């Protein structure tokens, strides 16, 4: 990129930021927006906006953000840089912490693995309103003089907004609606600590325009998180467009994303708009982004950096006004190390990271999820409402759910459709769900396990007494032979009994 192109891009960014800052009317929202903008511009790992206490050398870290761990994560080790800037009232840039000896206490910065850092005062006169701090822990993502120029300009814009008579106000109960008054809109079920953490992250990142990377195992609801971010953002009135990068070949995916001109390839009988155009003003969700080929990774990187693209086979430049949210069930960081995913694209996608928890990490949400899916199946299939037996709930909570919420939904639908009674019993669920105890089981699960073990002993004793005769054993137990067959299967006794026992 030429120097003129770089200057033009930075100027456009500053115009965008100035417009956004002028429209924000409370201080906390302004600061969160600023942090999101900073991560878009600087390849930092951590960032914080610090308030200076008037008439004191003390300061408060108002808000902080760790690119991997998320908003609210304390930024440790920044105190020497803050004291230096607060004392002198001028910016500090350290491009290589390991070689720096220009200011005291650099050793305390080194111990946190910081490679480069930047600290800029908010305001150009004393007393300072605050400071913007950023650092990077990787030599490949060095913070340099270009970033210093941009952040200094942004800090001056923020100072004008904060000192203006109509400046953003501190967030208080009097001038800002509480979270209860402005509920988060999402389609997810859960009240566990891991899920509440996800909801809080959504609440914080939704108003920003930053790219978001959603990581998590298959079936954990990554697209639901993406839709919640879009639905609670300023783009909610525009389209949410999802693309599964693993479902299409390279050629088809390229056409799907960027569109094509008539005659661009065999079968291109007319011009076609791509998802980037269709999602204009809204959000583009790239599911399984890890499956993109290197060529498409390069084209996506250009969209994120330059905010422009061309149709396949075209020459006209099209502006890309779209927020990109991506998702993957693989570790992009490990793929970068292996050389199968572009490092520069990874950092552009990973401005904000959200990890969706596996179902085994929030088992307490399983009963509510089960009821939710039961009601959905009842409506979809026209089936009368059913309830979940306590024993069935216990085995659902003890299973490891390798397929996560999606596997639970499928198991509930199968039980609703095939279960003969009005109550879903353990026998209505697949055998695999019955045979996966977990460590540190809750008391309800331990009780269920003890009951199952007692049943096994009674059934085995009946078969031994009847020399393996199935009908006779059922008679002793007071069960119908079909009920005994289901019980044997649910207790995992088929392999224990004689091979011909079920045939007798």
Foldseek 3Di string as FASTA:
>chain_A
DDPVLVVVLLVVLLVVLLVVQVVDAADVLSQLQVLLSLLLPALFQKKFWKFQDPPDLDIGGPWMAGLAVGTPDDDPQCVQLQSVCQVVVAKDWDQALVPDDPGPPSVSNVVVQWGIKIKGFQDRDPPTRTIMITTHNDNVRTDDPVSVVSVNSSSPSLSCQCPPPSHHHYDDVVPDPDCVVVDQDFDDFDDDPLVVVLSVRLLSCLQYLAAEEEEEAAQLCSVRSVLSSQCNYPLNVFDEAEDELVPDDQVVVLCQAAWAADPLDPPRNHTDHHPQVRRASGAYEYEQPLNHAPVVLVQVLCCSSVQWHHHRVDDDIDGRRYRYYYYHHDDVVVCVVVVGHPPSSVSRNSSHYHYRDFCLVRLVRLVVLLQVLQVVLCVVVVADGAEEDLLLSLLQSQAPPSNGSVVSSVQSNQLRVPPPDRYRDLLSGDLNSLPHGDPPRPPSNVVSVVVLVVVVVLLVVLCVVVVLAQCSSCVVVVHDSVVVVSSCSNSVCCVVGDVCSNVD
